[in-house]
Amino acid sequence: MEHVPVLLEAILSMLQPAPGRTVYDATFGRGGHTRAFLERGARVVALDVDPAAEAEAQRLQAEVGSERFRFHRVNFSDLGKVVSQEGQADGLLLDLGISSPQVDQAERGFSFQQSGPLDMRMDPTTGMSAADLVNNLSEPELRNLLRDGGEDRDPGKIARGIVRARPLGTTADLATAVCRATRPARPGIKHPATRTFLALRRAVNREGEVLDQVLASVPKVLRAGGRLAVLTYHSAEDRVVKHWIRGHAEEEKREMGMAFGLPNAERWVKALGEEVPSEEEISKNPRARSARLRGAERLGEVSS
């Protein structure tokens, strides 16, 4: 399936790319959002750890030139280091999903729709794979991973089923083990392994830890008036982003400041609201179904 950028119009409205403005696309993927920013005249700095994303970025840079587009093959947890080289941004996009090509390539191991190696690494050249986790973690460790990372409803049953089915080498092996431990997959109903695959992908790529790190770097990334847009695809990520924005938002901080004597400089963002895909967008791009967009605008300087 071709990768279709999710909630594109809402993101463009939120970040307002234009000539003279710099936008960071911290999760480049296959460049759908970046191309739209460039079409509106913005300079774009993009990040991604995926080698396939780097190849796409090189093609794009050849089209538009390095003055308008720069790419760094790093994890977005290194955003602060990139800003030291490229300068602050007027807009920052964090798209926390995975691209359609990643899902559709069986050898990447992200999906149970096709049998492939149990990998799931965003950067397939480094780190532990999903196979390392499912074959080596203890049953209690697996149970906790599935409960916390994907919010599985039966983490204990699934963990026991995985341990009994070891060794697991393919996505099909894992999906079968989950179905045997819970219920068989049925057409029209969410596959029982969906949350398990999500939890493993998040663990393999340290997604929770990395999200905390990148949110902590936002004050360094955005100049005053700069805007943040975050696309999430499951409730655990959305809660983190929602609470982060609320925790730094002007109105929330005003109340806290009155109670605890916090200086005005602590109230440094304004929430820009949230958006979800329309039924029309979902019908055209079913993978957008679970997406949620939240935004914030930096108001001024942040105290140290």
Protein backbone atom coordinates (compact mmCIF):
# COMPACT_ATOMS: atom_id res chain seq x y z
CA MET A 1 0.00 0.00 0.00
CA GLU A 2 1.23 3.49 -0.86
CA HIS A 3 2.03 5.58 2.21
CA VAL A 4 -0.57 8.34 2.59
CA PRO A 5 0.27 11.12 5.07
CA VAL A 6 -2.30 11.15 7.88
CA LEU A 7 -4.32 14.30 8.77
CA LEU A 8 -2.25 16.30 6.31
CA GLU A 9 -4.55 19.33 6.04
CA ALA A 10 -4.93 19.58 9.81
CA ILE A 11 -1.15 19.41 10.25
CA LEU A 12 -0.59 22.09 7.60
CA SER A 13 -3.11 24.33 9.34
CA MET A 14 -1.46 23.72 12.71
CA LEU A 15 2.18 24.18 11.68
CA GLN A 16 1.65 26.83 8.96
CA PRO A 17 4.68 26.03 6.74
CA ALA A 18 5.61 28.98 4.50
CA PRO A 19 8.61 30.70 2.92
CA GLY A 20 11.03 31.88 5.58
CA ARG A 21 9.86 29.26 8.10
CA THR A 22 11.76 26.13 9.16
CA VAL A 23 9.83 22.94 9.92
CA TYR A 24 11.31 19.81 11.49
CA ASP A 25 9.81 16.49 10.43
CA ALA A 26 11.25 14.33 13.19
CA THR A 27 9.82 11.10 11.76
CA PHE A 28 10.37 11.42 8.00
CA GLY A 29 9.13 7.95 7.00
CA ARG A 30 8.57 8.15 3.25
CA GLY A 31 8.38 11.94 3.21
CA GLY A 32 4.68 12.60 2.64
CA HIS A 33 4.38 15.38 5.21
CA THR A 34 7.81 16.79 4.31
CA ARG A 35 6.88 17.16 0.65
CA ALA A 36 3.76 19.10 1.61
CA PHE A 37 5.84 21.44 3.81
CA LEU A 38 8.27 22.01 0.94
CA GLU A 39 5.44 22.69 -1.51
CA ARG A 40 4.36 25.55 0.75
CA GLY A 41 7.82 27.06 0.66
CA ALA A 42 9.21 26.04 4.03
CA ARG A 43 12.73 24.84 4.71
CA VAL A 44 12.56 21.32 6.16
CA VAL A 45 14.93 19.41 8.42
CA ALA A 46 14.02 15.71 8.64
CA LEU A 47 15.12 12.83 10.88
CA ASP A 48 14.66 9.05 10.66
CA VAL A 49 16.67 5.95 11.61
CA ASP A 50 15.29 3.75 8.82
CA PRO A 51 17.79 3.12 5.96
CA ALA A 52 14.88 3.08 3.49
CA ALA A 53 13.82 6.52 4.72
CA GLU A 54 17.37 7.78 4.16
CA ALA A 55 17.26 6.54 0.55
CA GLU A 56 13.99 8.39 -0.05
CA ALA A 57 15.41 11.51 1.60
CA GLN A 58 18.45 11.45 -0.68
CA ARG A 59 16.18 11.39 -3.72
CA LEU A 60 14.17 14.30 -2.35
CA GLN A 61 17.28 16.33 -1.57
CA ALA A 62 18.46 15.82 -5.15
CA GLU A 63 15.13 17.30 -6.32
CA VAL A 64 14.96 20.39 -4.10
CA GLY A 65 18.54 21.00 -2.96
CA SER A 66 20.24 21.05 0.44
CA GLU A 67 19.37 24.69 1.08
CA ARG A 68 15.70 23.75 1.40
CA PHE A 69 15.92 20.18 2.71
CA ARG A 70 18.30 18.52 5.12
CA PHE A 71 18.16 14.95 6.42
CA HIS A 72 19.78 13.33 9.46
CA ARG A 73 19.71 9.56 9.91
CA VAL A 74 19.31 9.58 13.68
CA ASN A 75 16.63 8.66 16.17
CA PHE A 76 14.40 11.60 17.03
CA SER A 77 15.62 11.34 20.62
CA ASP A 78 18.72 13.09 19.18
CA LEU A 79 16.62 16.05 18.08
CA GLY A 80 18.44 18.42 20.43
CA LYS A 81 21.78 17.61 18.79
CA VAL A 82 20.36 18.24 15.33
CA VAL A 83 19.01 21.61 16.42
CA SER A 84 22.52 22.57 17.52
CA GLN A 85 23.58 22.12 13.88
CA GLU A 86 20.50 23.32 12.00
CA GLY A 87 18.99 26.00 14.24
CA GLN A 88 15.60 26.34 15.91
CA ALA A 89 12.30 25.59 14.23
CA ASP A 90 9.02 27.36 13.58
CA GLY A 91 7.25 24.01 13.43
CA LEU A 92 7.89 20.46 14.65
CA LEU A 93 6.01 17.34 13.56
CA LEU A 94 6.20 14.06 15.47
CA ASP A 95 4.36 11.31 13.57
CA LEU A 96 4.60 8.36 15.96
CA GLY A 97 3.24 5.73 13.58
CA ILE A 98 5.07 3.46 11.17
CA SER A 99 4.90 3.93 7.42
CA SER A 100 2.84 1.72 5.11
CA PRO A 101 5.98 0.39 3.35
CA GLN A 102 7.34 -0.75 6.71
CA VAL A 103 4.11 -2.60 7.44
CA ASP A 104 3.88 -4.10 3.96
CA GLN A 105 7.46 -5.39 3.79
CA ALA A 106 7.29 -8.84 5.36
CA GLU A 107 11.04 -8.89 6.03
CA ARG A 108 10.67 -5.99 8.48
CA GLY A 109 8.50 -8.11 10.78
CA PHE A 110 6.05 -5.39 11.82
CA SER A 111 2.86 -7.16 10.74
CA PHE A 112 1.15 -10.52 11.13
CA GLN A 113 -0.55 -10.07 7.75
CA GLN A 114 2.45 -11.67 6.04
CA SER A 115 4.91 -14.17 7.49
CA GLY A 116 8.38 -12.73 7.97
CA PRO A 117 11.23 -12.69 10.50
CA LEU A 118 10.36 -11.39 13.97
CA ASP A 119 12.35 -8.18 13.69
CA MET A 120 10.35 -4.93 14.23
CA ARG A 121 13.42 -2.68 14.50
CA MET A 122 13.05 0.78 12.98
CA ASP A 123 16.80 0.60 12.38
CA PRO A 124 17.37 -3.04 11.34
CA THR A 125 21.14 -2.69 11.71
CA THR A 126 21.27 -2.36 15.48
CA GLY A 127 19.65 -3.42 18.75
CA MET A 128 17.51 -6.32 19.89
CA SER A 129 14.81 -7.74 17.65
CA ALA A 130 11.34 -8.91 18.63
CA ALA A 131 12.62 -12.50 18.33
CA ASP A 132 15.20 -11.76 21.03
CA LEU A 133 12.46 -10.62 23.37
CA VAL A 134 9.85 -13.34 22.80
CA ASN A 135 12.43 -16.12 23.01
CA ASN A 136 14.49 -14.88 25.96
CA LEU A 137 12.32 -12.91 28.37
CA SER A 138 10.83 -14.74 31.31
CA GLU A 139 7.08 -15.29 31.45
CA PRO A 140 6.58 -12.51 34.07
CA GLU A 141 8.71 -10.13 32.00
CA LEU A 142 6.67 -10.88 28.89
CA ARG A 143 3.41 -10.44 30.81
CA ASN A 144 4.49 -6.99 32.02
CA LEU A 145 5.69 -5.98 28.55
CA LEU A 146 2.36 -6.95 26.96
CA ARG A 147 0.31 -5.30 29.69
CA ASP A 148 2.18 -2.00 29.71
CA GLY A 149 3.26 -1.64 26.09
CA GLY A 150 0.15 -2.71 24.23
CA GLU A 151 -2.45 -2.86 27.00
CA ASP A 152 -3.27 -6.49 26.12
CA ARG A 153 -6.42 -7.72 27.85
CA ASP A 154 -4.99 -11.17 28.61
CA PRO A 155 -1.25 -10.57 29.07
CA GLY A 156 -0.79 -13.55 31.37
CA LYS A 157 -2.43 -16.01 28.97
CA ILE A 158 -0.51 -14.65 26.00
CA ALA A 159 2.82 -14.69 27.83
CA ARG A 160 2.25 -18.35 28.80
CA GLY A 161 1.26 -19.18 25.23
CA ILE A 162 4.42 -17.56 23.87
CA VAL A 163 6.68 -19.39 26.31
CA ARG A 164 5.05 -22.74 25.46
CA ALA A 165 5.46 -22.11 21.72
CA ARG A 166 9.18 -21.28 21.85
CA PRO A 167 11.26 -20.98 19.80
CA LEU A 168 9.40 -18.45 17.68
CA GLY A 169 11.09 -17.36 14.47
CA THR A 170 8.45 -15.63 12.34
CA THR A 171 5.56 -13.23 12.65
CA ALA A 172 3.25 -16.11 11.73
CA ASP A 173 4.65 -18.18 14.62
CA LEU A 174 3.89 -15.37 17.06
CA ALA A 175 0.42 -14.66 15.70
CA THR A 176 -0.45 -18.36 15.91
CA ALA A 177 0.80 -18.58 19.50
CA VAL A 178 -1.33 -15.59 20.51
CA CYS A 179 -4.44 -16.99 18.81
CA ARG A 180 -3.99 -20.36 20.50
CA ALA A 181 -3.62 -18.66 23.89
CA THR A 182 -6.67 -16.40 23.50
CA ARG A 183 -9.03 -16.89 20.54
CA PRO A 184 -8.74 -17.52 16.81
CA ALA A 185 -8.67 -14.61 14.38
CA ARG A 186 -12.03 -13.89 12.72
CA PRO A 187 -12.85 -11.70 9.71
CA GLY A 188 -14.12 -8.24 10.60
CA ILE A 189 -12.81 -8.37 14.17
CA LYS A 190 -9.50 -6.93 15.36
CA HIS A 191 -6.86 -9.65 15.22
CA PRO A 192 -6.04 -10.92 18.73
CA ALA A 193 -2.31 -10.38 18.11
CA THR A 194 -2.68 -6.66 17.28
CA ARG A 195 -1.85 -5.41 20.78
CA THR A 196 0.91 -7.98 21.21
CA PHE A 197 2.68 -6.79 18.07
CA LEU A 198 2.26 -3.19 19.19
CA ALA A 199 3.76 -3.91 22.61
CA LEU A 200 6.75 -5.70 21.12
CA ARG A 201 7.37 -2.96 18.55
CA ARG A 202 7.30 -0.33 21.29
CA ALA A 203 9.71 -2.34 23.43
CA VAL A 204 12.11 -3.13 20.59
CA ASN A 205 12.36 0.55 19.63
CA ARG A 206 12.12 1.96 23.19
CA GLU A 207 9.26 4.12 21.97
CA GLY A 208 8.00 5.23 25.38
CA GLU A 209 11.45 6.29 26.54
CA VAL A 210 12.22 8.01 23.24
CA LEU A 211 8.94 9.96 23.29
CA ASP A 212 9.74 11.28 26.77
CA GLN A 213 13.18 12.36 25.56
CA VAL A 214 11.94 14.16 22.48
CA LEU A 215 9.20 16.00 24.37
CA ALA A 216 11.81 17.16 26.88
CA SER A 217 13.81 18.65 23.99
CA VAL A 218 10.91 20.72 22.61
CA PRO A 219 11.94 23.94 24.47
CA LYS A 220 15.30 23.78 22.70
CA VAL A 221 13.77 22.99 19.31
CA LEU A 222 11.03 25.60 18.99
CA ARG A 223 11.62 29.34 18.93
CA ALA A 224 8.97 31.63 20.45
CA GLY A 225 5.79 31.27 18.40
CA GLY A 226 6.88 27.88 17.10
CA ARG A 227 4.31 25.11 16.95
CA LEU A 228 4.36 21.42 17.83
CA ALA A 229 2.12 18.80 16.15
CA VAL A 230 2.07 15.20 17.42
CA LEU A 231 0.31 12.31 15.68
CA THR A 232 -0.35 9.30 17.92
CA TYR A 233 -1.93 5.96 17.06
CA HIS A 234 -2.73 4.34 20.39
CA SER A 235 -4.02 5.43 23.78
CA ALA A 236 -0.78 5.04 25.75
CA GLU A 237 1.09 7.48 23.49
CA ASP A 238 -1.83 9.87 23.34
CA ARG A 239 -2.03 10.03 27.14
CA VAL A 240 1.65 10.93 27.37
CA VAL A 241 1.28 13.74 24.82
CA LYS A 242 -1.98 15.03 26.31
CA HIS A 243 -0.55 15.17 29.83
CA TRP A 244 2.67 16.78 28.60
CA ILE A 245 0.77 19.57 26.87
CA ARG A 246 -1.56 20.08 29.80
CA GLY A 247 1.38 20.11 32.19
CA HIS A 248 3.02 22.99 30.33
CA ALA A 249 -0.04 24.86 29.06
CA GLU A 250 -0.70 28.46 30.00
CA GLU A 251 -4.06 27.98 31.68
CA GLU A 252 -2.97 24.91 33.63
CA LYS A 253 0.22 26.62 34.77
CA ARG A 254 -1.62 29.81 35.74
CA GLU A 255 -3.65 27.85 38.27
CA MET A 256 -0.55 26.00 39.51
CA GLY A 257 1.40 29.25 39.64
CA MET A 258 -1.20 30.86 41.85
CA ALA A 259 -1.10 27.87 44.17
CA PHE A 260 2.64 27.25 44.24
CA GLY A 261 4.20 30.57 43.29
CA LEU A 262 5.62 29.43 39.93
CA PRO A 263 7.10 32.23 37.78
CA ASN A 264 5.33 33.30 34.59
CA ALA A 265 8.16 31.85 32.49
CA GLU A 266 7.06 28.36 33.48
CA ARG A 267 3.82 28.83 31.52
CA TRP A 268 5.35 28.38 28.12
CA VAL A 269 2.90 26.67 25.75
CA LYS A 270 -0.64 27.18 24.53
CA ALA A 271 -2.65 24.09 23.62
CA LEU A 272 -3.91 24.09 20.02
CA GLY A 273 -6.54 21.42 20.44
CA GLU A 274 -6.90 18.00 18.87
CA GLU A 275 -8.04 16.49 15.59
CA VAL A 276 -9.09 13.00 14.45
CA PRO A 277 -9.52 11.73 10.88
CA SER A 278 -12.87 12.20 9.19
CA GLU A 279 -14.86 9.22 7.98
CA GLU A 280 -13.92 10.25 4.45
CA GLU A 281 -10.19 10.13 5.23
CA ILE A 282 -10.55 6.78 6.98
CA SER A 283 -12.40 5.34 3.99
CA LYS A 284 -9.50 6.39 1.74
CA ASN A 285 -6.77 5.42 4.21
CA PRO A 286 -7.96 2.80 6.75
CA ARG A 287 -4.62 2.94 8.59
CA ALA A 288 -5.54 6.45 9.75
CA ARG A 289 -8.42 5.10 11.83
CA SER A 290 -6.72 5.27 15.22
CA ALA A 291 -4.80 8.51 14.63
CA ARG A 292 -5.13 11.54 16.89
CA LEU A 293 -3.39 14.88 16.40
CA ARG A 294 -2.55 17.23 19.27
CA GLY A 295 -0.74 20.55 19.06
CA ALA A 296 0.83 23.28 21.14
CA GLU A 297 2.43 26.68 20.52
CA ARG A 298 5.48 27.93 22.38
CA LEU A 299 4.69 31.28 24.01
CA GLY A 300 8.06 32.57 25.13
CA GLU A 301 11.27 31.86 26.93
CA VAL A 302 11.52 28.90 29.28
CA SER A 303 13.22 29.27 32.63
CA SER A 304 16.08 26.89 33.35
